[in-house]
Amino acid sequence: MPKLNVFFGLFARQIAQKQPETFGQQRAEQLNQRLDKALADRRKLFRAEFAAQAPLKTTYALRGGLADRKIDHFKAKIEEAKK
């Protein structure tokens, strides 16, 4: 049983270390997660645009442009927060 308690103690410490402590750290982590999600969505749209036929290609190109603007917006927010 002592080993189990040691394990849970280490696990609790790791969880505590991973959680951001301040509001700014939490906000930065949220922005980074949203940026990563937007980048993943853009990659999916790029692949779909490449594989699509002519009518759908335009739709995917428009959605890709929107995704690019979203990514730029998140990057600007992150840069602004660093200042």
Protein backbone atom coordinates (compact mmCIF):
# COMPACT_ATOMS: atom_id res chain seq x y z
CA MET A 1 0.00 0.00 0.00
CA PRO A 2 2.73 2.59 0.62
CA LYS A 3 3.75 2.47 -3.03
CA LEU A 4 0.20 3.33 -4.07
CA ASN A 5 0.16 6.40 -1.84
CA VAL A 6 3.51 7.51 -3.24
CA PHE A 7 2.15 7.10 -6.76
CA PHE A 8 -0.91 9.22 -6.08
CA GLY A 9 1.24 11.82 -4.35
CA LEU A 10 3.49 12.09 -7.41
CA PHE A 11 0.47 12.12 -9.72
CA ALA A 12 -1.16 14.94 -7.74
CA ARG A 13 2.07 16.93 -7.87
CA GLN A 14 2.33 16.49 -11.64
CA ILE A 15 -1.26 17.66 -12.11
CA ALA A 16 -0.61 20.67 -9.90
CA GLN A 17 2.50 21.55 -11.91
CA LYS A 18 0.67 21.32 -15.24
CA GLN A 19 -2.15 23.67 -14.27
CA PRO A 20 -1.46 27.35 -14.98
CA GLU A 21 -1.32 29.44 -11.85
CA THR A 22 -2.39 32.89 -12.99
CA PHE A 23 -5.14 34.22 -15.20
CA GLY A 24 -2.57 35.33 -17.76
CA GLN A 25 -1.08 31.86 -17.98
CA GLN A 26 -4.54 30.33 -18.36
CA ARG A 27 -5.43 32.83 -21.08
CA ALA A 28 -2.17 32.17 -22.94
CA GLU A 29 -2.77 28.43 -22.78
CA GLN A 30 -6.33 28.87 -24.09
CA LEU A 31 -5.12 31.06 -26.96
CA ASN A 32 -2.44 28.54 -27.88
CA GLN A 33 -5.01 25.72 -27.88
CA ARG A 34 -7.36 27.76 -30.08
CA LEU A 35 -4.50 28.57 -32.45
CA ASP A 36 -3.52 24.90 -32.69
CA LYS A 37 -7.13 23.96 -33.44
CA ALA A 38 -7.39 26.67 -36.11
CA LEU A 39 -4.15 25.46 -37.72
CA ALA A 40 -5.44 21.87 -37.75
CA ASP A 41 -8.72 23.03 -39.33
CA ARG A 42 -6.77 24.94 -41.99
CA ARG A 43 -4.72 21.87 -42.84
CA LYS A 44 -7.94 19.86 -43.24
CA LEU A 45 -9.43 22.54 -45.49
CA PHE A 46 -6.27 22.68 -47.60
CA ARG A 47 -6.37 18.92 -48.15
CA ALA A 48 -10.09 19.08 -48.98
CA GLU A 49 -9.53 21.96 -51.42
CA PHE A 50 -6.75 20.03 -53.15
CA ALA A 51 -8.90 16.90 -53.51
CA ALA A 52 -12.19 18.60 -54.46
CA GLN A 53 -13.69 19.20 -57.88
CA ALA A 54 -14.24 22.71 -59.29
CA PRO A 55 -17.54 23.77 -57.56
CA LEU A 56 -16.42 22.60 -54.12
CA LYS A 57 -12.91 23.93 -54.62
CA THR A 58 -14.22 27.51 -54.46
CA THR A 59 -16.11 26.78 -51.25
CA TYR A 60 -13.04 25.25 -49.63
CA ALA A 61 -10.90 28.17 -50.81
CA LEU A 62 -13.30 30.63 -49.14
CA ARG A 63 -13.33 28.61 -45.93
CA GLY A 64 -9.55 28.45 -46.07
CA GLY A 65 -9.38 32.24 -46.32
CA LEU A 66 -11.58 32.54 -43.24
CA ALA A 67 -9.37 30.06 -41.40
CA ASP A 68 -6.27 32.07 -42.40
CA ARG A 69 -7.82 35.23 -40.95
CA LYS A 70 -8.68 33.38 -37.75
CA ILE A 71 -5.10 32.13 -37.45
CA ASP A 72 -3.72 35.63 -38.03
CA HIS A 73 -6.12 36.97 -35.39
CA PHE A 74 -4.94 34.44 -32.78
CA LYS A 75 -1.28 35.09 -33.61
CA ALA A 76 -1.84 38.84 -33.21
CA LYS A 77 -3.52 38.30 -29.84
CA ILE A 78 -0.63 36.16 -28.66
CA GLU A 79 1.94 38.73 -29.80
CA GLU A 80 -0.06 41.51 -28.14
CA ALA A 81 -0.19 39.55 -24.89
CA LYS A 82 3.61 39.10 -24.93
CA LYS A 83 4.16 42.87 -24.87
